[in-house]
Protein backbone atom coordinates (compact mmCIF):
# COMPACT_ATOMS: atom_id res chain seq x y z
CA MET A 1 -12.18 24.97 -7.84
CA GLN A 2 -12.41 25.24 -4.35
CA ARG A 3 -13.03 21.54 -3.59
CA THR A 4 -10.14 20.48 -6.27
CA ARG A 5 -7.83 23.27 -4.04
CA GLN A 6 -9.22 21.35 -0.80
CA VAL A 7 -8.83 17.63 -2.28
CA LEU A 8 -5.20 18.54 -3.09
CA THR A 9 -4.32 20.32 0.67
CA ILE A 10 -5.93 16.98 2.22
CA LEU A 11 -4.19 14.56 -0.18
CA TRP A 12 -0.31 16.10 0.01
CA ILE A 13 -0.83 16.65 3.78
CA CYS A 14 -2.46 13.05 4.82
CA PHE A 15 0.08 11.26 3.11
CA PHE A 16 3.09 13.52 4.01
CA ALA A 17 1.41 12.68 7.71
CA LEU A 18 1.04 8.97 6.76
CA ASP A 19 4.95 8.90 5.91
CA VAL A 20 5.89 10.66 9.34
CA GLY A 21 3.72 8.64 11.06
CA ALA A 22 5.14 5.45 10.38
CA LEU A 23 8.47 6.56 10.75
CA LEU A 24 7.66 7.70 13.93
CA TRP A 25 5.98 3.90 15.13
CA LEU A 26 8.80 2.58 14.21
CA ARG A 27 11.23 4.34 16.01
CA SER A 28 9.00 4.25 19.09
CA ILE A 29 9.07 0.44 19.18
CA GLY A 30 12.56 0.14 18.22
CA TRP A 31 12.82 -0.69 14.66
CA ILE A 32 14.86 2.11 13.32
CA ALA A 33 17.58 3.88 15.00
CA SER A 34 17.93 7.71 15.38
CA ASP A 35 20.50 8.08 12.52
CA HIS A 36 18.16 6.05 10.36
CA PHE A 37 14.73 8.02 11.69
CA GLU A 38 16.67 11.37 11.49
CA SER A 39 18.04 10.65 7.64
CA ALA A 40 14.30 9.11 6.88
CA LEU A 41 12.83 12.11 8.25
CA SER A 42 15.20 14.76 6.27
CA HIS A 43 14.40 12.83 3.11
CA LEU A 44 10.73 13.11 3.16
CA ASN A 45 11.35 16.75 4.17
CA ALA A 46 13.12 17.54 1.09
CA LEU A 47 10.53 15.45 -0.86
CA TYR A 48 7.17 16.88 0.02
CA ILE A 49 7.91 20.45 1.63
CA PRO A 50 8.27 22.35 -2.26
CA TYR A 51 4.64 21.21 -2.97
CA ILE A 52 2.99 21.75 0.31
CA GLY A 53 4.44 24.89 0.60
CA LEU A 54 3.22 25.39 -2.98
CA ILE A 55 -0.16 24.20 -2.20
CA LEU A 56 -0.28 25.56 1.59
CA ALA A 57 1.21 29.38 -0.12
CA PHE A 58 -2.15 29.63 -2.19
CA HIS A 59 -4.73 27.81 0.00
CA PHE A 60 -3.84 29.67 3.25
CA GLY A 61 -2.23 32.94 1.58
CA GLY A 62 -5.33 34.25 0.35
CA ILE A 63 -4.48 33.15 -3.47
CA LYS A 64 -6.81 31.79 -5.62
CA PRO A 65 -6.03 30.34 -8.94
CA ASN A 66 -7.53 31.11 -11.76
CA ARG A 67 -10.12 29.12 -13.60
CA VAL A 68 -8.82 25.98 -15.38
CA ALA A 69 -10.36 23.36 -17.27
CA HIS A 70 -12.39 20.20 -15.52
CA GLY A 71 -9.49 17.71 -16.90
CA VAL A 72 -6.50 19.48 -15.07
CA ALA A 73 -8.08 20.03 -11.66
CA TRP A 74 -8.34 16.09 -11.96
CA LEU A 75 -4.89 15.94 -13.64
CA ALA A 76 -3.48 17.64 -10.64
CA ILE A 77 -5.10 15.25 -8.14
CA ALA A 78 -4.39 11.93 -10.36
CA VAL A 79 -0.75 12.88 -10.58
CA SER A 80 -0.43 13.66 -6.94
CA LEU A 81 -2.13 10.65 -6.30
CA LEU A 82 0.18 8.35 -8.10
CA TRP A 83 3.16 10.23 -6.56
CA ASN A 84 2.02 9.71 -3.22
CA LEU A 85 1.26 6.62 -3.46
CA ALA A 86 4.48 5.65 -4.74
CA VAL A 87 6.86 7.49 -2.60
CA SER A 88 4.70 5.96 0.45
CA LEU A 89 4.50 2.27 -0.75
CA PRO A 90 8.43 1.80 0.39
CA MET A 91 7.44 3.40 4.35
CA ALA A 92 3.82 1.28 4.41
CA GLY A 93 6.19 -1.73 3.66
CA LEU A 94 8.50 -1.13 6.71
CA LEU A 95 5.37 -1.66 9.17
CA PHE A 96 4.56 -4.83 7.45
CA GLY A 97 8.30 -6.23 8.18
CA PHE A 98 8.59 -5.96 4.49
CA GLY A 99 12.55 -4.37 3.67
CA THR A 100 15.05 -2.52 5.75
CA ILE A 101 14.89 1.51 6.42
CA GLU A 102 18.13 1.73 4.12
CA ALA A 103 16.37 0.32 1.38
CA ALA A 104 13.16 2.40 1.70
CA ILE A 105 15.11 5.47 2.22
CA THR A 106 16.58 4.59 -1.37
CA GLN A 107 13.16 3.95 -2.92
CA VAL A 108 11.34 6.95 -1.19
CA ARG A 109 14.45 9.25 -2.48
CA ASN A 110 14.07 7.51 -6.31
CA ILE A 111 11.18 7.17 -6.59
CA GLY A 112 9.83 10.77 -5.16
CA GLY A 113 12.74 12.69 -7.36
CA GLY A 114 12.32 10.65 -10.20
CA LEU A 115 8.62 11.22 -10.52
CA SER A 116 9.10 14.82 -9.47
CA TRP A 117 8.85 16.06 -13.57
CA VAL A 118 5.16 14.55 -13.72
CA VAL A 119 3.77 16.01 -10.33
CA ALA A 120 5.49 19.42 -10.39
CA PRO A 121 4.59 20.43 -13.77
CA ALA A 122 0.82 19.29 -13.04
CA LEU A 123 0.48 21.37 -9.80
CA GLY A 124 2.28 24.32 -11.43
CA TYR A 125 0.16 24.55 -14.28
CA TYR A 126 -3.33 24.04 -12.01
CA PHE A 127 -1.67 27.23 -10.14
CA ARG A 128 -0.71 29.13 -12.56
CA GLY A 129 -1.35 32.68 -12.97
CA ALA A 130 -2.82 32.42 -9.61
CA THR A 131 -3.40 36.53 -8.18
CA PRO A 132 -4.47 37.25 -4.58
CA LYS A 133 -7.82 38.14 -3.92
CA ALA A 134 -8.91 41.35 -4.19
CA PRO A 135 -9.33 43.45 -1.00
CA LYS A 136 -13.31 43.87 0.29
CA ASP A 137 -14.00 47.31 0.21
């Protein structure tokens, strides 16, 4: 159970960092203007923060999820990976000179929002019924 939590935490933070890193790189080389950078960053934050917030609250808040079936843990990881790859591909394309920032922002917003119905229930079910760890005497 602890390993799954670690995998989910690393997966979500790494993909978020890669997407923000791509934006920072493109901004630093002057490929995108500050208004497009701010718009893209705002959209990425809006997409990622609900999921990263949920994961970090449980991971660092001393909250332990109830035991779930092994398959549910893998489902949470699989749909998380699917969602993150789908959201990150338009950003990665920019690094290789494919597309425009405007199109990437639109794709990220549409893909992330469109696939939220897949990832939200899986993460919610994985962390369902979580209870705080009992204090040790």
